Amino acid sequence: MRDDGTFDPLPKLIAGAVLAVAVAKVFWQWLTTSFWHWLSVDVWGWITDHPWWSVITAGLIVLAPLLAAAVWLIAQRGYVHHGADDVEDEEPPALTYSIHHLDVIHPTDFEKACAALLVRDGFLQVRHSGRSGDLGADVTARDHLGRKVVLQCKHYRRPVGSPDVQTFNGTARPEHGADVPVMIGLNGFTRDAAAFAARHDLILIDRHILTSWAHGTYLYDAIDEDQHRTAA
């Protein structure tokens, strides 16, 4: 004992070790004598005295390794099927928007959504201006032929009129060097606006084309499908 009245930790440690060894020895003796005698004589004798339990016990002894092997094989197949390589090979789902979602988002978010759809379609160098005074170029990009695409996105509750289309025509090619000038009208265009765009070779994306594009159709395919539909 120390001067402060506490016990030295070393004797406590030795006493604990001795006690643990004694407990382990008693447990081992019980396991190898009483328990083993009970298991091998009493339990086993009872099983052998009852034929049905003998059959069940023998069946369990035979089937246990087979069941363990089956579980292991199933687990291995599941691991291979859902392995990391398979996950990496899976393509992520294509970006889509519902037209109702596009209806309610902010005009700036509408521009960003159009930019994201261009990225989904594989257009390169996609840029969103995100500011006022962009002179009609809300989004710019390059298509698979290297042509410059300039988008102006109109999130109007009404059809886009001819003055807006005329303004875009005055900046898309002269100001931004557009090879493919595209104007998107959430709720379409007036007849005069569509007629002006046709005369000046401007591409108009109305609500019908926008819906198809937003739902997963490649931009140029959505435009071509609409042209075939209107021609028919």
C-alpha atoms as a PDB file:
ATOM      1  CA  MET A   1       0.000   0.000   0.000  1.00  0.00           C
ATOM      2  CA  ARG A   2       1.170   3.503  -0.830  1.00  0.00           C
ATOM      3  CA  ASP A   3       1.595   6.310   1.667  1.00  0.00           C
ATOM      4  CA  ASP A   4      -1.595   7.971   0.404  1.00  0.00           C
ATOM      5  CA  GLY A   5      -3.665   4.903   1.309  1.00  0.00           C
ATOM      6  CA  THR A   6      -4.070   3.574  -2.265  1.00  0.00           C
ATOM      7  CA  PHE A   7      -2.936   0.163  -3.493  1.00  0.00           C
ATOM      8  CA  ASP A   8       0.004  -0.289  -5.815  1.00  0.00           C
ATOM      9  CA  PRO A   9      -1.364  -1.147  -9.293  1.00  0.00           C
ATOM     10  CA  LEU A  10       1.178  -3.989  -9.863  1.00  0.00           C
ATOM     11  CA  PRO A  11      -0.154  -6.306  -7.110  1.00  0.00           C
ATOM     12  CA  LYS A  12      -3.705  -5.554  -8.313  1.00  0.00           C
ATOM     13  CA  LEU A  13      -2.679  -6.518 -11.838  1.00  0.00           C
ATOM     14  CA  ILE A  14      -1.063  -9.772 -10.628  1.00  0.00           C
ATOM     15  CA  ALA A  15      -4.095 -10.653  -8.510  1.00  0.00           C
ATOM     16  CA  GLY A  16      -6.405 -10.033 -11.457  1.00  0.00           C
ATOM     17  CA  ALA A  17      -4.294 -12.246 -13.706  1.00  0.00           C
ATOM     18  CA  VAL A  18      -4.278 -15.076 -11.135  1.00  0.00           C
ATOM     19  CA  LEU A  19      -8.044 -14.829 -10.757  1.00  0.00           C
ATOM     20  CA  ALA A  20      -8.533 -14.886 -14.535  1.00  0.00           C
ATOM     21  CA  VAL A  21      -6.343 -17.995 -14.866  1.00  0.00           C
ATOM     22  CA  ALA A  22      -8.261 -19.713 -12.078  1.00  0.00           C
ATOM     23  CA  VAL A  23     -11.629 -18.938 -13.687  1.00  0.00           C
ATOM     24  CA  ALA A  24     -10.370 -20.126 -17.069  1.00  0.00           C
ATOM     25  CA  LYS A  25      -9.096 -23.368 -15.543  1.00  0.00           C
ATOM     26  CA  VAL A  26     -12.428 -24.068 -13.828  1.00  0.00           C
ATOM     27  CA  PHE A  27     -14.317 -23.325 -17.052  1.00  0.00           C
ATOM     28  CA  TRP A  28     -12.018 -25.598 -19.062  1.00  0.00           C
ATOM     29  CA  GLN A  29     -12.440 -28.451 -16.592  1.00  0.00           C
ATOM     30  CA  TRP A  30     -16.210 -28.071 -16.737  1.00  0.00           C
ATOM     31  CA  LEU A  31     -16.145 -27.945 -20.545  1.00  0.00           C
ATOM     32  CA  THR A  32     -13.968 -31.072 -20.880  1.00  0.00           C
ATOM     33  CA  THR A  33     -15.678 -33.145 -18.180  1.00  0.00           C
ATOM     34  CA  SER A  34     -19.235 -32.324 -17.154  1.00  0.00           C
ATOM     35  CA  PHE A  35     -20.330 -30.529 -20.353  1.00  0.00           C
ATOM     36  CA  TRP A  36     -18.639 -33.008 -22.662  1.00  0.00           C
ATOM     37  CA  HIS A  37     -20.074 -35.946 -20.702  1.00  0.00           C
ATOM     38  CA  TRP A  38     -23.534 -34.415 -20.881  1.00  0.00           C
ATOM     39  CA  LEU A  39     -23.222 -33.760 -24.617  1.00  0.00           C
ATOM     40  CA  SER A  40     -21.630 -37.077 -25.602  1.00  0.00           C
ATOM     41  CA  VAL A  41     -23.501 -39.383 -23.251  1.00  0.00           C
ATOM     42  CA  ASP A  42     -26.838 -37.888 -22.245  1.00  0.00           C
ATOM     43  CA  VAL A  43     -27.720 -35.870 -25.353  1.00  0.00           C
ATOM     44  CA  TRP A  44     -26.226 -38.279 -27.846  1.00  0.00           C
ATOM     45  CA  GLY A  45     -27.736 -41.266 -26.028  1.00  0.00           C
ATOM     46  CA  TRP A  46     -31.157 -39.668 -26.146  1.00  0.00           C
ATOM     47  CA  ILE A  47     -30.788 -38.969 -29.879  1.00  0.00           C
ATOM     48  CA  THR A  48     -29.713 -42.537 -30.666  1.00  0.00           C
ATOM     49  CA  ASP A  49     -32.620 -43.904 -28.643  1.00  0.00           C
ATOM     50  CA  HIS A  50     -35.037 -42.009 -30.916  1.00  0.00           C
ATOM     51  CA  PRO A  51     -34.622 -43.049 -34.602  1.00  0.00           C
ATOM     52  CA  TRP A  52     -36.325 -39.979 -36.034  1.00  0.00           C
ATOM     53  CA  TRP A  53     -34.029 -37.596 -34.187  1.00  0.00           C
ATOM     54  CA  SER A  54     -31.083 -39.690 -35.365  1.00  0.00           C
ATOM     55  CA  VAL A  55     -32.185 -39.211 -38.957  1.00  0.00           C
ATOM     56  CA  ILE A  56     -32.733 -35.461 -38.476  1.00  0.00           C
ATOM     57  CA  THR A  57     -29.348 -35.027 -36.780  1.00  0.00           C
ATOM     58  CA  ALA A  58     -27.565 -36.984 -39.505  1.00  0.00           C
ATOM     59  CA  GLY A  59     -29.343 -34.933 -42.150  1.00  0.00           C
ATOM     60  CA  LEU A  60     -28.307 -31.676 -40.506  1.00  0.00           C
ATOM     61  CA  ILE A  61     -24.708 -32.855 -40.295  1.00  0.00           C
ATOM     62  CA  VAL A  62     -24.725 -33.700 -44.004  1.00  0.00           C
ATOM     63  CA  LEU A  63     -26.697 -30.681 -45.187  1.00  0.00           C
ATOM     64  CA  ALA A  64     -24.973 -27.995 -43.125  1.00  0.00           C
ATOM     65  CA  PRO A  65     -21.774 -27.918 -45.268  1.00  0.00           C
ATOM     66  CA  LEU A  66     -23.887 -27.993 -48.452  1.00  0.00           C
ATOM     67  CA  LEU A  67     -26.042 -25.096 -47.264  1.00  0.00           C
ATOM     68  CA  ALA A  68     -22.975 -23.115 -46.260  1.00  0.00           C
ATOM     69  CA  ALA A  69     -21.425 -23.716 -49.691  1.00  0.00           C
ATOM     70  CA  ALA A  70     -24.654 -22.658 -51.446  1.00  0.00           C
ATOM     71  CA  VAL A  71     -24.877 -19.437 -49.420  1.00  0.00           C
ATOM     72  CA  TRP A  72     -21.253 -18.657 -50.223  1.00  0.00           C
ATOM     73  CA  LEU A  73     -21.791 -19.207 -53.962  1.00  0.00           C
ATOM     74  CA  ILE A  74     -24.903 -17.010 -53.973  1.00  0.00           C
ATOM     75  CA  ALA A  75     -23.026 -14.262 -52.142  1.00  0.00           C
ATOM     76  CA  GLN A  76     -20.143 -14.503 -54.606  1.00  0.00           C
ATOM     77  CA  ARG A  77     -22.466 -14.257 -57.612  1.00  0.00           C
ATOM     78  CA  GLY A  78     -24.188 -11.263 -56.083  1.00  0.00           C
ATOM     79  CA  TYR A  79     -20.839  -9.586 -55.489  1.00  0.00           C
ATOM     80  CA  VAL A  80     -19.717 -10.169 -59.077  1.00  0.00           C
ATOM     81  CA  HIS A  81     -23.006  -8.930 -60.480  1.00  0.00           C
ATOM     82  CA  HIS A  82     -22.984  -5.768 -58.382  1.00  0.00           C
ATOM     83  CA  GLY A  83     -19.239  -5.261 -58.377  1.00  0.00           C
ATOM     84  CA  ALA A  84     -17.473  -1.931 -58.776  1.00  0.00           C
ATOM     85  CA  ASP A  85     -16.608  -2.568 -62.439  1.00  0.00           C
ATOM     86  CA  ASP A  86     -20.271  -3.057 -63.359  1.00  0.00           C
ATOM     87  CA  VAL A  87     -21.247   0.129 -61.531  1.00  0.00           C
ATOM     88  CA  GLU A  88     -18.606   2.089 -63.383  1.00  0.00           C
ATOM     89  CA  ASP A  89     -19.851   0.724 -66.724  1.00  0.00           C
ATOM     90  CA  GLU A  90     -23.414   1.873 -66.111  1.00  0.00           C
ATOM     91  CA  GLU A  91     -24.269   5.100 -67.905  1.00  0.00           C
ATOM     92  CA  PRO A  92     -25.897   7.824 -65.814  1.00  0.00           C
ATOM     93  CA  PRO A  93     -29.486   8.654 -66.735  1.00  0.00           C
ATOM     94  CA  ALA A  94     -29.879  11.351 -69.385  1.00  0.00           C
ATOM     95  CA  LEU A  95     -30.851  14.819 -68.183  1.00  0.00           C
ATOM     96  CA  THR A  96     -34.512  15.668 -68.777  1.00  0.00           C
ATOM     97  CA  TYR A  97     -36.947  18.379 -67.738  1.00  0.00           C
ATOM     98  CA  SER A  98     -40.711  18.417 -67.718  1.00  0.00           C
ATOM     99  CA  ILE A  99     -42.298  21.307 -69.520  1.00  0.00           C
ATOM    100  CA  HIS A 100     -44.207  22.126 -66.339  1.00  0.00           C
ATOM    101  CA  HIS A 101     -40.902  22.477 -64.471  1.00  0.00           C
ATOM    102  CA  LEU A 102     -39.632  24.855 -67.152  1.00  0.00           C
ATOM    103  CA  ASP A 103     -42.851  26.846 -66.827  1.00  0.00           C
ATOM    104  CA  VAL A 104     -42.304  27.702 -63.167  1.00  0.00           C
ATOM    105  CA  ILE A 105     -38.544  28.229 -62.879  1.00  0.00           C
ATOM    106  CA  HIS A 106     -36.880  31.655 -62.904  1.00  0.00           C
ATOM    107  CA  PRO A 107     -35.907  33.027 -66.343  1.00  0.00           C
ATOM    108  CA  THR A 108     -32.201  32.781 -65.450  1.00  0.00           C
ATOM    109  CA  ASP A 109     -32.692  29.148 -64.415  1.00  0.00           C
ATOM    110  CA  PHE A 110     -34.480  28.584 -67.721  1.00  0.00           C
ATOM    111  CA  GLU A 111     -31.362  29.783 -69.546  1.00  0.00           C
ATOM    112  CA  LYS A 112     -29.203  27.489 -67.412  1.00  0.00           C
ATOM    113  CA  ALA A 113     -31.517  24.556 -68.161  1.00  0.00           C
ATOM    114  CA  CYS A 114     -31.123  25.173 -71.900  1.00  0.00           C
ATOM    115  CA  ALA A 115     -27.340  25.263 -71.462  1.00  0.00           C
ATOM    116  CA  ALA A 116     -27.470  21.990 -69.528  1.00  0.00           C
ATOM    117  CA  LEU A 117     -29.468  20.356 -72.325  1.00  0.00           C
ATOM    118  CA  LEU A 118     -26.798  21.393 -74.814  1.00  0.00           C
ATOM    119  CA  VAL A 119     -24.174  19.774 -72.611  1.00  0.00           C
ATOM    120  CA  ARG A 120     -26.304  16.618 -72.437  1.00  0.00           C
ATOM    121  CA  ASP A 121     -26.460  16.535 -76.249  1.00  0.00           C
ATOM    122  CA  GLY A 122     -22.679  16.698 -76.549  1.00  0.00           C
ATOM    123  CA  PHE A 123     -22.279  20.346 -77.577  1.00  0.00           C
ATOM    124  CA  LEU A 124     -18.882  21.782 -76.694  1.00  0.00           C
ATOM    125  CA  GLN A 125     -17.729  25.037 -75.081  1.00  0.00           C
ATOM    126  CA  VAL A 126     -21.197  25.670 -73.655  1.00  0.00           C
ATOM    127  CA  ARG A 127     -21.297  29.082 -71.984  1.00  0.00           C
ATOM    128  CA  HIS A 128     -24.107  30.846 -70.158  1.00  0.00           C
ATOM    129  CA  SER A 129     -23.719  34.612 -69.992  1.00  0.00           C
ATOM    130  CA  GLY A 130     -25.933  35.037 -66.934  1.00  0.00           C
ATOM    131  CA  ARG A 131     -26.120  38.796 -67.158  1.00  0.00           C
ATOM    132  CA  SER A 132     -28.142  41.590 -68.707  1.00  0.00           C
ATOM    133  CA  GLY A 133     -26.816  43.365 -71.746  1.00  0.00           C
ATOM    134  CA  ASP A 134     -25.615  40.144 -73.368  1.00  0.00           C
ATOM    135  CA  LEU A 135     -26.873  41.444 -76.726  1.00  0.00           C
ATOM    136  CA  GLY A 136     -29.063  38.446 -77.396  1.00  0.00           C
ATOM    137  CA  ALA A 137     -26.572  35.699 -76.514  1.00  0.00           C
ATOM    138  CA  ASP A 138     -27.860  33.978 -73.388  1.00  0.00           C
ATOM    139  CA  VAL A 139     -25.997  30.765 -74.218  1.00  0.00           C
ATOM    140  CA  THR A 140     -23.229  30.003 -76.723  1.00  0.00           C
ATOM    141  CA  ALA A 141     -21.779  26.641 -77.757  1.00  0.00           C
ATOM    142  CA  ARG A 142     -20.148  24.644 -80.545  1.00  0.00           C
ATOM    143  CA  ASP A 143     -21.916  21.740 -82.236  1.00  0.00           C
ATOM    144  CA  HIS A 144     -20.341  18.510 -83.545  1.00  0.00           C
ATOM    145  CA  LEU A 145     -19.395  20.279 -86.791  1.00  0.00           C
ATOM    146  CA  GLY A 146     -17.630  23.102 -84.975  1.00  0.00           C
ATOM    147  CA  ARG A 147     -20.329  25.633 -85.797  1.00  0.00           C
ATOM    148  CA  LYS A 148     -21.059  28.360 -83.278  1.00  0.00           C
ATOM    149  CA  VAL A 149     -24.546  28.089 -81.798  1.00  0.00           C
ATOM    150  CA  VAL A 150     -26.070  31.177 -80.170  1.00  0.00           C
ATOM    151  CA  LEU A 151     -29.212  30.786 -78.066  1.00  0.00           C
ATOM    152  CA  GLN A 152     -31.544  33.469 -76.841  1.00  0.00           C
ATOM    153  CA  CYS A 153     -34.037  32.119 -74.286  1.00  0.00           C
ATOM    154  CA  LYS A 154     -37.380  33.853 -73.785  1.00  0.00           C
ATOM    155  CA  HIS A 155     -39.259  32.774 -70.668  1.00  0.00           C
ATOM    156  CA  TYR A 156     -42.407  34.702 -71.601  1.00  0.00           C
ATOM    157  CA  ARG A 157     -45.956  33.847 -70.560  1.00  0.00           C
ATOM    158  CA  ARG A 158     -47.050  34.911 -74.026  1.00  0.00           C
ATOM    159  CA  PRO A 159     -45.752  34.099 -77.523  1.00  0.00           C
ATOM    160  CA  VAL A 160     -42.614  35.982 -78.536  1.00  0.00           C
ATOM    161  CA  GLY A 161     -43.386  38.786 -80.970  1.00  0.00           C
ATOM    162  CA  SER A 162     -41.658  39.906 -84.148  1.00  0.00           C
ATOM    163  CA  PRO A 163     -39.745  42.844 -82.525  1.00  0.00           C
ATOM    164  CA  ASP A 164     -37.835  40.467 -80.233  1.00  0.00           C
ATOM    165  CA  VAL A 165     -36.968  38.199 -83.150  1.00  0.00           C
ATOM    166  CA  GLN A 166     -35.810  41.193 -85.218  1.00  0.00           C
ATOM    167  CA  THR A 167     -33.565  42.356 -82.369  1.00  0.00           C
ATOM    168  CA  PHE A 168     -32.028  38.895 -82.095  1.00  0.00           C
ATOM    169  CA  ASN A 169     -31.446  38.788 -85.836  1.00  0.00           C
ATOM    170  CA  GLY A 170     -29.548  42.083 -85.584  1.00  0.00           C
ATOM    171  CA  THR A 171     -27.040  40.725 -83.043  1.00  0.00           C
ATOM    172  CA  ALA A 172     -26.775  36.943 -83.448  1.00  0.00           C
ATOM    173  CA  ARG A 173     -24.610  36.914 -86.566  1.00  0.00           C
ATOM    174  CA  PRO A 174     -23.115  40.449 -86.714  1.00  0.00           C
ATOM    175  CA  GLU A 175     -22.310  40.711 -82.998  1.00  0.00           C
ATOM    176  CA  HIS A 176     -21.702  37.108 -81.939  1.00  0.00           C
ATOM    177  CA  GLY A 177     -20.710  35.399 -85.188  1.00  0.00           C
ATOM    178  CA  ALA A 178     -23.450  32.799 -84.933  1.00  0.00           C
ATOM    179  CA  ASP A 179     -23.457  30.021 -87.499  1.00  0.00           C
ATOM    180  CA  VAL A 180     -26.624  28.590 -85.961  1.00  0.00           C
ATOM    181  CA  PRO A 181     -28.803  31.330 -84.396  1.00  0.00           C
ATOM    182  CA  VAL A 182     -31.499  29.776 -82.197  1.00  0.00           C
ATOM    183  CA  MET A 183     -34.291  31.552 -80.348  1.00  0.00           C
ATOM    184  CA  ILE A 184     -36.282  29.645 -77.725  1.00  0.00           C
ATOM    185  CA  GLY A 185     -39.790  30.748 -76.813  1.00  0.00           C
ATOM    186  CA  LEU A 186     -41.285  28.945 -73.830  1.00  0.00           C
ATOM    187  CA  ASN A 187     -44.779  29.718 -75.111  1.00  0.00           C
ATOM    188  CA  GLY A 188     -44.054  29.871 -78.809  1.00  0.00           C
ATOM    189  CA  PHE A 189     -43.987  32.720 -81.305  1.00  0.00           C
ATOM    190  CA  THR A 190     -46.486  34.918 -83.088  1.00  0.00           C
ATOM    191  CA  ARG A 191     -47.177  34.304 -86.763  1.00  0.00           C
ATOM    192  CA  ASP A 192     -45.327  37.489 -87.742  1.00  0.00           C
ATOM    193  CA  ALA A 193     -42.300  36.424 -85.668  1.00  0.00           C
ATOM    194  CA  ALA A 194     -42.232  32.999 -87.312  1.00  0.00           C
ATOM    195  CA  ALA A 195     -42.499  34.536 -90.774  1.00  0.00           C
ATOM    196  CA  PHE A 196     -39.630  36.959 -90.081  1.00  0.00           C
ATOM    197  CA  ALA A 197     -37.449  34.115 -88.718  1.00  0.00           C
ATOM    198  CA  ALA A 198     -38.090  32.036 -91.846  1.00  0.00           C
ATOM    199  CA  ARG A 199     -37.019  34.908 -94.113  1.00  0.00           C
ATOM    200  CA  HIS A 200     -33.762  35.441 -92.184  1.00  0.00           C
ATOM    201  CA  ASP A 201     -32.853  31.818 -91.554  1.00  0.00           C
ATOM    202  CA  LEU A 202     -33.313  31.894 -87.794  1.00  0.00           C
ATOM    203  CA  ILE A 203     -34.198  28.718 -85.921  1.00  0.00           C
ATOM    204  CA  LEU A 204     -37.164  29.054 -83.579  1.00  0.00           C
ATOM    205  CA  ILE A 205     -37.725  26.556 -80.769  1.00  0.00           C
ATOM    206  CA  ASP A 206     -41.401  26.737 -79.851  1.00  0.00           C
ATOM    207  CA  ARG A 207     -43.130  24.941 -76.988  1.00  0.00           C
ATOM    208  CA  HIS A 208     -43.607  21.722 -78.974  1.00  0.00           C
ATOM    209  CA  ILE A 209     -39.934  21.431 -79.946  1.00  0.00           C
ATOM    210  CA  LEU A 210     -38.836  22.494 -76.471  1.00  0.00           C
ATOM    211  CA  THR A 211     -40.935  19.751 -74.893  1.00  0.00           C
ATOM    212  CA  SER A 212     -39.377  17.102 -77.125  1.00  0.00           C
ATOM    213  CA  TRP A 213     -35.862  18.445 -76.497  1.00  0.00           C
ATOM    214  CA  ALA A 214     -36.349  18.689 -72.746  1.00  0.00           C
ATOM    215  CA  HIS A 215     -37.708  15.123 -72.628  1.00  0.00           C
ATOM    216  CA  GLY A 216     -34.508  13.683 -74.102  1.00  0.00           C
ATOM    217  CA  THR A 217     -34.513  14.185 -77.879  1.00  0.00           C
ATOM    218  CA  TYR A 218     -31.299  15.541 -79.406  1.00  0.00           C
ATOM    219  CA  LEU A 219     -31.775  19.224 -80.261  1.00  0.00           C
ATOM    220  CA  TYR A 220     -31.321  18.975 -84.030  1.00  0.00           C
ATOM    221  CA  ASP A 221     -33.489  15.838 -84.157  1.00  0.00           C
ATOM    222  CA  ALA A 222     -36.259  17.640 -82.285  1.00  0.00           C
ATOM    223  CA  ILE A 223     -36.069  20.479 -84.835  1.00  0.00           C
ATOM    224  CA  ASP A 224     -36.106  18.077 -87.794  1.00  0.00           C
ATOM    225  CA  GLU A 225     -39.050  16.115 -86.367  1.00  0.00           C
ATOM    226  CA  ASP A 226     -41.057  19.324 -86.008  1.00  0.00           C
ATOM    227  CA  GLN A 227     -40.262  20.370 -89.573  1.00  0.00           C
ATOM    228  CA  HIS A 228     -41.461  17.005 -90.879  1.00  0.00           C
ATOM    229  CA  ARG A 229     -44.584  17.276 -88.711  1.00  0.00           C
ATOM    230  CA  THR A 230     -45.498  20.757 -89.970  1.00  0.00           C
ATOM    231  CA  ALA A 231     -44.701  19.810 -93.565  1.00  0.00           C
ATOM    232  CA  ALA A 232     -47.055  16.851 -93.358  1.00  0.00           C
END
